[in-house]
Amino acid sequence: MSANPLPGNYELVSVEHFAPEGVRQPFGPNPKGYMMFTATHMLTILMDADRPNIEVGDLLAGDVGTASDAALAAAFNSAMAFGGRYELHPDAVHIHLEVGTYPNWSGTTQVRPYELVDGQLSLYPPGWRVVFRRVEEA
């Protein structure tokens, strides 16, 4: 296999879910996020750019537990983060998830067909298309 082309930083462009009722954008029309690859690890965070603040103060002060169930559910449903080691295969990246906001993925391997063309990285989870563009280092 040739040299690994993935290491670098990528900014989120779009997230599309191809559902039976049509194309959905679960993180809104202008999502925010990043995906970062080293030679061996990756880390991703995705979010709806318009997600509301939680009505209580400081996460580090421990008062988030006093937020309403609706506010906590909205926060959970409008963002996702995950990371771990990965292996690059000719047709897919195999992500061995070690951490993430969705606990069911920890300890699993997520296989994502991908394309990297002219700095645009497209990942294809089943029924989805997630597009990033490479961010040049300053």
N, C-alpha and C. Protein backbone atom coordinates (compact mmCIF):
# COMPACT_ATOMS: atom_id res chain seq x y z
N MET A 1 0.85 -1.19 0.00
CA MET A 1 0.00 0.00 0.00
C MET A 1 0.89 1.24 0.00
N SER A 2 0.44 2.27 -0.64
CA SER A 2 1.20 3.52 -0.70
C SER A 2 1.14 4.23 0.65
N ALA A 3 1.85 5.33 0.75
CA ALA A 3 1.87 6.11 1.98
C ALA A 3 0.45 6.52 2.39
N ASN A 4 0.24 6.60 3.68
CA ASN A 4 -1.07 6.96 4.23
C ASN A 4 -1.38 8.43 3.92
N PRO A 5 -2.43 8.72 3.15
CA PRO A 5 -2.75 10.10 2.81
C PRO A 5 -3.62 10.82 3.85
N LEU A 6 -4.10 10.11 4.88
CA LEU A 6 -5.08 10.69 5.79
C LEU A 6 -4.54 11.65 6.83
N PRO A 7 -3.34 11.48 7.41
CA PRO A 7 -2.94 12.38 8.49
C PRO A 7 -3.09 13.85 8.13
N GLY A 8 -3.68 14.57 9.07
CA GLY A 8 -3.95 15.99 8.90
C GLY A 8 -5.23 16.37 9.60
N ASN A 9 -5.62 17.60 9.40
CA ASN A 9 -6.82 18.16 10.03
C ASN A 9 -7.85 18.48 8.95
N TYR A 10 -9.11 18.18 9.26
CA TYR A 10 -10.20 18.37 8.31
C TYR A 10 -11.34 19.11 9.00
N GLU A 11 -11.98 20.01 8.27
CA GLU A 11 -13.14 20.74 8.77
C GLU A 11 -14.40 20.16 8.14
N LEU A 12 -15.45 20.02 8.94
CA LEU A 12 -16.70 19.45 8.47
C LEU A 12 -17.38 20.35 7.45
N VAL A 13 -17.87 19.76 6.36
CA VAL A 13 -18.61 20.48 5.33
C VAL A 13 -20.09 20.11 5.39
N SER A 14 -20.39 18.82 5.45
CA SER A 14 -21.79 18.39 5.45
C SER A 14 -21.94 17.00 6.04
N VAL A 15 -23.16 16.76 6.56
CA VAL A 15 -23.55 15.44 7.05
C VAL A 15 -24.94 15.17 6.48
N GLU A 16 -25.06 14.09 5.72
CA GLU A 16 -26.34 13.74 5.13
C GLU A 16 -26.70 12.30 5.48
N HIS A 17 -27.95 12.10 5.87
CA HIS A 17 -28.49 10.78 6.13
C HIS A 17 -29.56 10.50 5.10
N PHE A 18 -29.40 9.42 4.36
CA PHE A 18 -30.33 9.07 3.30
C PHE A 18 -31.38 8.12 3.87
N ALA A 19 -32.46 8.69 4.40
CA ALA A 19 -33.54 7.94 5.05
C ALA A 19 -34.65 7.65 4.05
N PRO A 20 -35.52 6.68 4.35
CA PRO A 20 -36.62 6.38 3.44
C PRO A 20 -37.49 7.60 3.12
N GLU A 21 -37.64 8.52 4.08
CA GLU A 21 -38.47 9.70 3.84
C GLU A 21 -37.72 10.82 3.14
N GLY A 22 -36.44 10.62 2.84
CA GLY A 22 -35.66 11.63 2.12
C GLY A 22 -34.34 11.92 2.81
N VAL A 23 -33.60 12.86 2.28
CA VAL A 23 -32.30 13.22 2.82
C VAL A 23 -32.49 14.11 4.05
N ARG A 24 -31.87 13.72 5.15
CA ARG A 24 -31.91 14.50 6.40
C ARG A 24 -30.52 15.07 6.66
N GLN A 25 -30.48 16.19 7.37
CA GLN A 25 -29.22 16.79 7.82
C GLN A 25 -29.28 16.85 9.35
N PRO A 26 -28.88 15.78 10.03
CA PRO A 26 -29.07 15.71 11.47
C PRO A 26 -28.29 16.75 12.28
N PHE A 27 -27.29 17.36 11.69
CA PHE A 27 -26.54 18.42 12.36
C PHE A 27 -26.80 19.77 11.70
N GLY A 28 -27.92 19.88 10.99
CA GLY A 28 -28.33 21.13 10.38
C GLY A 28 -27.66 21.38 9.04
N PRO A 29 -28.08 22.48 8.37
CA PRO A 29 -27.55 22.78 7.04
C PRO A 29 -26.11 23.30 7.05
N ASN A 30 -25.65 23.78 8.19
CA ASN A 30 -24.28 24.30 8.32
C ASN A 30 -23.60 23.71 9.54
N PRO A 31 -23.35 22.40 9.53
CA PRO A 31 -22.78 21.77 10.71
C PRO A 31 -21.35 22.26 10.96
N LYS A 32 -20.91 22.10 12.19
CA LYS A 32 -19.53 22.42 12.55
C LYS A 32 -18.86 21.15 13.05
N GLY A 33 -17.56 21.07 12.81
CA GLY A 33 -16.85 19.92 13.33
C GLY A 33 -15.47 19.78 12.71
N TYR A 34 -14.75 18.85 13.27
CA TYR A 34 -13.39 18.55 12.81
C TYR A 34 -13.14 17.06 12.88
N MET A 35 -12.26 16.60 12.01
CA MET A 35 -11.74 15.25 12.07
C MET A 35 -10.23 15.40 11.94
N MET A 36 -9.53 14.75 12.85
CA MET A 36 -8.07 14.83 12.86
C MET A 36 -7.48 13.43 12.82
N PHE A 37 -6.51 13.25 11.96
CA PHE A 37 -5.81 11.98 11.84
C PHE A 37 -4.33 12.19 12.12
N THR A 38 -3.75 11.34 12.97
CA THR A 38 -2.30 11.20 13.05
C THR A 38 -1.97 9.94 12.24
N ALA A 39 -0.77 9.44 12.34
CA ALA A 39 -0.42 8.22 11.63
C ALA A 39 -1.17 7.01 12.17
N THR A 40 -1.61 7.06 13.44
CA THR A 40 -2.22 5.89 14.06
C THR A 40 -3.59 6.13 14.70
N HIS A 41 -3.92 7.39 15.02
CA HIS A 41 -5.15 7.70 15.75
C HIS A 41 -6.00 8.73 15.00
N MET A 42 -7.29 8.75 15.35
CA MET A 42 -8.19 9.76 14.80
C MET A 42 -9.11 10.24 15.90
N LEU A 43 -9.61 11.45 15.72
CA LEU A 43 -10.55 12.06 16.65
C LEU A 43 -11.51 12.91 15.84
N THR A 44 -12.81 12.81 16.15
CA THR A 44 -13.83 13.55 15.41
C THR A 44 -14.81 14.18 16.37
N ILE A 45 -15.25 15.39 16.06
CA ILE A 45 -16.37 16.01 16.75
C ILE A 45 -17.26 16.66 15.70
N LEU A 46 -18.56 16.40 15.81
CA LEU A 46 -19.56 16.94 14.90
C LEU A 46 -20.64 17.61 15.73
N MET A 47 -21.19 18.73 15.25
CA MET A 47 -22.27 19.36 16.00
C MET A 47 -23.11 20.25 15.09
N ASP A 48 -24.32 20.47 15.54
CA ASP A 48 -25.21 21.43 14.90
C ASP A 48 -24.73 22.82 15.29
N ALA A 49 -24.47 23.67 14.33
CA ALA A 49 -23.95 25.02 14.61
C ALA A 49 -24.93 25.85 15.42
N ASP A 50 -26.21 25.51 15.38
CA ASP A 50 -27.23 26.29 16.08
C ASP A 50 -27.71 25.64 17.37
N ARG A 51 -26.93 24.73 17.93
CA ARG A 51 -27.38 24.06 19.15
C ARG A 51 -27.46 25.07 20.30
N PRO A 52 -28.53 25.01 21.08
CA PRO A 52 -28.69 25.98 22.17
C PRO A 52 -27.80 25.65 23.36
N ASN A 53 -27.49 26.67 24.14
CA ASN A 53 -26.77 26.46 25.38
C ASN A 53 -27.67 25.74 26.38
N ILE A 54 -27.07 25.01 27.29
CA ILE A 54 -27.81 24.41 28.41
C ILE A 54 -28.04 25.52 29.43
N GLU A 55 -29.22 25.53 30.03
CA GLU A 55 -29.62 26.66 30.87
C GLU A 55 -28.88 26.78 32.20
N VAL A 56 -28.04 25.82 32.53
CA VAL A 56 -27.28 25.92 33.78
C VAL A 56 -25.84 26.29 33.47
N GLY A 57 -25.14 26.72 34.49
CA GLY A 57 -23.84 27.32 34.35
C GLY A 57 -22.68 26.52 33.83
N ASP A 58 -21.92 25.90 34.69
CA ASP A 58 -20.56 25.48 34.39
C ASP A 58 -20.41 23.97 34.45
N LEU A 59 -20.00 23.38 33.34
CA LEU A 59 -19.77 21.94 33.27
C LEU A 59 -18.76 21.50 34.33
N LEU A 60 -17.69 22.26 34.49
CA LEU A 60 -16.64 21.88 35.44
C LEU A 60 -17.05 22.06 36.89
N ALA A 61 -18.08 22.88 37.13
CA ALA A 61 -18.58 23.06 38.49
C ALA A 61 -19.53 21.93 38.89
N GLY A 62 -19.87 21.06 37.95
CA GLY A 62 -20.72 19.92 38.26
C GLY A 62 -22.20 20.23 38.29
N ASP A 63 -22.62 21.37 37.80
CA ASP A 63 -24.04 21.71 37.88
C ASP A 63 -24.84 21.32 36.65
N VAL A 64 -24.23 20.64 35.67
CA VAL A 64 -24.97 20.24 34.47
C VAL A 64 -26.05 19.22 34.85
N GLY A 65 -25.82 18.45 35.88
CA GLY A 65 -26.82 17.48 36.33
C GLY A 65 -28.12 18.12 36.76
N THR A 66 -28.13 19.41 36.98
CA THR A 66 -29.37 20.10 37.35
C THR A 66 -30.15 20.57 36.13
N ALA A 67 -29.61 20.38 34.94
CA ALA A 67 -30.31 20.77 33.72
C ALA A 67 -31.51 19.86 33.50
N SER A 68 -32.47 20.35 32.75
CA SER A 68 -33.66 19.54 32.46
C SER A 68 -33.29 18.36 31.56
N ASP A 69 -34.09 17.32 31.64
CA ASP A 69 -33.86 16.16 30.77
C ASP A 69 -33.94 16.56 29.31
N ALA A 70 -34.85 17.47 28.98
CA ALA A 70 -34.99 17.92 27.58
C ALA A 70 -33.73 18.63 27.11
N ALA A 71 -33.15 19.48 27.96
CA ALA A 71 -31.93 20.21 27.57
C ALA A 71 -30.76 19.24 27.39
N LEU A 72 -30.64 18.27 28.27
CA LEU A 72 -29.56 17.29 28.16
C LEU A 72 -29.75 16.42 26.91
N ALA A 73 -30.99 16.02 26.63
CA ALA A 73 -31.26 15.22 25.43
C ALA A 73 -30.95 16.02 24.17
N ALA A 74 -31.32 17.31 24.16
CA ALA A 74 -31.03 18.15 23.00
C ALA A 74 -29.53 18.29 22.79
N ALA A 75 -28.78 18.44 23.87
CA ALA A 75 -27.32 18.55 23.77
C ALA A 75 -26.73 17.25 23.22
N PHE A 76 -27.19 16.11 23.74
CA PHE A 76 -26.68 14.82 23.28
C PHE A 76 -27.02 14.59 21.81
N ASN A 77 -28.23 14.95 21.41
CA ASN A 77 -28.70 14.69 20.05
C ASN A 77 -28.15 15.66 19.01
N SER A 78 -27.49 16.72 19.44
CA SER A 78 -27.00 17.71 18.48
C SER A 78 -25.48 17.72 18.35
N ALA A 79 -24.82 16.72 18.93
CA ALA A 79 -23.36 16.64 18.81
C ALA A 79 -22.91 15.19 18.97
N MET A 80 -21.76 14.90 18.39
CA MET A 80 -21.19 13.56 18.50
C MET A 80 -19.67 13.70 18.46
N ALA A 81 -19.00 12.93 19.29
CA ALA A 81 -17.54 12.90 19.29
C ALA A 81 -17.09 11.46 19.47
N PHE A 82 -15.98 11.11 18.83
CA PHE A 82 -15.44 9.76 18.97
C PHE A 82 -13.98 9.75 18.53
N GLY A 83 -13.26 8.74 18.99
CA GLY A 83 -11.87 8.63 18.60
C GLY A 83 -11.28 7.29 18.94
N GLY A 84 -10.13 7.01 18.34
CA GLY A 84 -9.41 5.78 18.60
C GLY A 84 -8.36 5.54 17.55
N ARG A 85 -7.84 4.35 17.55
CA ARG A 85 -6.87 3.95 16.53
C ARG A 85 -7.60 3.64 15.23
N TYR A 86 -6.86 3.67 14.14
CA TYR A 86 -7.47 3.31 12.86
C TYR A 86 -6.46 2.56 12.00
N GLU A 87 -7.00 1.83 11.04
CA GLU A 87 -6.21 1.16 10.02
C GLU A 87 -6.77 1.57 8.67
N LEU A 88 -5.88 1.88 7.76
CA LEU A 88 -6.29 2.26 6.42
C LEU A 88 -6.22 1.04 5.51
N HIS A 89 -7.32 0.74 4.86
CA HIS A 89 -7.41 -0.34 3.89
C HIS A 89 -7.67 0.30 2.52
N PRO A 90 -7.45 -0.43 1.44
CA PRO A 90 -7.63 0.19 0.12
C PRO A 90 -9.01 0.80 -0.11
N ASP A 91 -10.05 0.20 0.46
CA ASP A 91 -11.40 0.67 0.17
C ASP A 91 -12.11 1.30 1.37
N ALA A 92 -11.48 1.27 2.55
CA ALA A 92 -12.16 1.76 3.74
C ALA A 92 -11.16 2.05 4.86
N VAL A 93 -11.57 2.92 5.76
CA VAL A 93 -10.81 3.14 6.98
C VAL A 93 -11.55 2.37 8.08
N HIS A 94 -10.79 1.58 8.84
CA HIS A 94 -11.34 0.80 9.94
C HIS A 94 -10.98 1.53 11.24
N ILE A 95 -11.99 2.08 11.88
CA ILE A 95 -11.78 2.89 13.09
C ILE A 95 -12.10 2.03 14.30
N HIS A 96 -11.09 1.82 15.14
CA HIS A 96 -11.22 1.03 16.37
C HIS A 96 -11.51 2.01 17.50
N LEU A 97 -12.79 2.20 17.77
CA LEU A 97 -13.21 3.26 18.70
C LEU A 97 -12.91 2.89 20.14
N GLU A 98 -12.27 3.84 20.81
CA GLU A 98 -11.92 3.68 22.22
C GLU A 98 -12.72 4.63 23.10
N VAL A 99 -13.12 5.79 22.56
CA VAL A 99 -13.88 6.79 23.31
C VAL A 99 -14.97 7.36 22.41
N GLY A 100 -16.03 7.88 23.03
CA GLY A 100 -17.07 8.51 22.25
C GLY A 100 -18.27 8.90 23.08
N THR A 101 -19.03 9.84 22.56
CA THR A 101 -20.23 10.27 23.26
C THR A 101 -21.34 9.23 23.14
N TYR A 102 -21.30 8.39 22.13
CA TYR A 102 -22.27 7.31 21.98
C TYR A 102 -21.63 6.05 22.56
N PRO A 103 -22.00 5.67 23.78
CA PRO A 103 -21.28 4.60 24.48
C PRO A 103 -21.30 3.26 23.77
N ASN A 104 -22.31 2.98 22.97
CA ASN A 104 -22.41 1.68 22.30
C ASN A 104 -21.29 1.46 21.29
N TRP A 105 -20.65 2.54 20.82
CA TRP A 105 -19.56 2.39 19.85
C TRP A 105 -18.22 2.08 20.50
N SER A 106 -18.03 2.40 21.77
CA SER A 106 -16.74 2.14 22.42
C SER A 106 -16.43 0.65 22.36
N GLY A 107 -15.22 0.33 21.93
CA GLY A 107 -14.80 -1.06 21.81
C GLY A 107 -15.22 -1.72 20.50
N THR A 108 -15.81 -0.96 19.59
CA THR A 108 -16.21 -1.52 18.29
C THR A 108 -15.27 -1.03 17.20
N THR A 109 -15.34 -1.68 16.07
CA THR A 109 -14.64 -1.23 14.87
C THR A 109 -15.69 -0.76 13.88
N GLN A 110 -15.60 0.50 13.49
CA GLN A 110 -16.51 1.08 12.51
C GLN A 110 -15.78 1.15 11.17
N VAL A 111 -16.32 0.50 10.17
CA VAL A 111 -15.72 0.46 8.84
C VAL A 111 -16.38 1.53 7.98
N ARG A 112 -15.56 2.43 7.44
CA ARG A 112 -16.08 3.55 6.66
C ARG A 112 -15.41 3.60 5.30
N PRO A 113 -16.14 3.21 4.23
CA PRO A 113 -15.61 3.47 2.90
C PRO A 113 -15.32 4.98 2.79
N TYR A 114 -14.30 5.33 2.05
CA TYR A 114 -13.92 6.74 1.96
C TYR A 114 -13.36 7.07 0.59
N GLU A 115 -13.35 8.38 0.31
CA GLU A 115 -12.68 8.95 -0.86
C GLU A 115 -11.93 10.17 -0.37
N LEU A 116 -10.73 10.36 -0.85
CA LEU A 116 -9.96 11.58 -0.57
C LEU A 116 -9.49 12.12 -1.91
N VAL A 117 -10.14 13.22 -2.34
CA VAL A 117 -9.85 13.82 -3.65
C VAL A 117 -9.65 15.31 -3.47
N ASP A 118 -8.48 15.80 -3.85
CA ASP A 118 -8.17 17.23 -3.79
C ASP A 118 -8.47 17.84 -2.43
N GLY A 119 -8.10 17.13 -1.38
CA GLY A 119 -8.29 17.64 -0.02
C GLY A 119 -9.68 17.48 0.54
N GLN A 120 -10.59 16.89 -0.22
CA GLN A 120 -11.94 16.64 0.29
C GLN A 120 -12.05 15.17 0.69
N LEU A 121 -12.36 14.94 1.95
CA LEU A 121 -12.50 13.60 2.50
C LEU A 121 -13.98 13.30 2.67
N SER A 122 -14.46 12.28 1.98
CA SER A 122 -15.85 11.84 2.09
C SER A 122 -15.87 10.46 2.71
N LEU A 123 -16.68 10.31 3.75
CA LEU A 123 -16.86 9.03 4.42
C LEU A 123 -18.28 8.56 4.18
N TYR A 124 -18.44 7.25 4.06
CA TYR A 124 -19.74 6.69 3.71
C TYR A 124 -20.18 5.61 4.71
N PRO A 125 -20.58 6.02 5.92
CA PRO A 125 -21.23 5.03 6.79
C PRO A 125 -22.49 4.54 6.07
N PRO A 126 -22.99 3.35 6.38
CA PRO A 126 -24.19 2.87 5.69
C PRO A 126 -25.34 3.88 5.76
N GLY A 127 -25.81 4.33 4.59
CA GLY A 127 -26.92 5.27 4.52
C GLY A 127 -26.55 6.72 4.75
N TRP A 128 -25.27 7.03 4.81
CA TRP A 128 -24.81 8.38 5.14
C TRP A 128 -23.74 8.83 4.17
N ARG A 129 -23.52 10.15 4.14
CA ARG A 129 -22.35 10.75 3.51
C ARG A 129 -21.90 11.89 4.42
N VAL A 130 -20.63 11.84 4.83
CA VAL A 130 -20.06 12.86 5.70
C VAL A 130 -18.84 13.42 4.96
N VAL A 131 -18.84 14.74 4.74
CA VAL A 131 -17.80 15.36 3.92
C VAL A 131 -17.00 16.36 4.76
N PHE A 132 -15.68 16.28 4.65
CA PHE A 132 -14.74 17.19 5.30
C PHE A 132 -13.83 17.78 4.24
N ARG A 133 -13.20 18.91 4.54
CA ARG A 133 -12.15 19.45 3.66
C ARG A 133 -10.90 19.66 4.52
N ARG A 134 -9.77 19.33 3.91
CA ARG A 134 -8.49 19.45 4.63
C ARG A 134 -8.24 20.91 4.98
N VAL A 135 -7.79 21.13 6.20
CA VAL A 135 -7.44 22.46 6.70
C VAL A 135 -5.92 22.56 6.67
N GLU A 136 -5.43 23.55 5.99
CA GLU A 136 -3.98 23.76 5.92
C GLU A 136 -3.46 24.27 7.26
N GLU A 137 -2.32 23.77 7.66
CA GLU A 137 -1.70 24.23 8.90
C GLU A 137 -1.21 25.66 8.74
N ALA A 138 -1.35 26.46 9.78
CA ALA A 138 -0.90 27.86 9.73
C ALA A 138 0.58 27.96 9.93
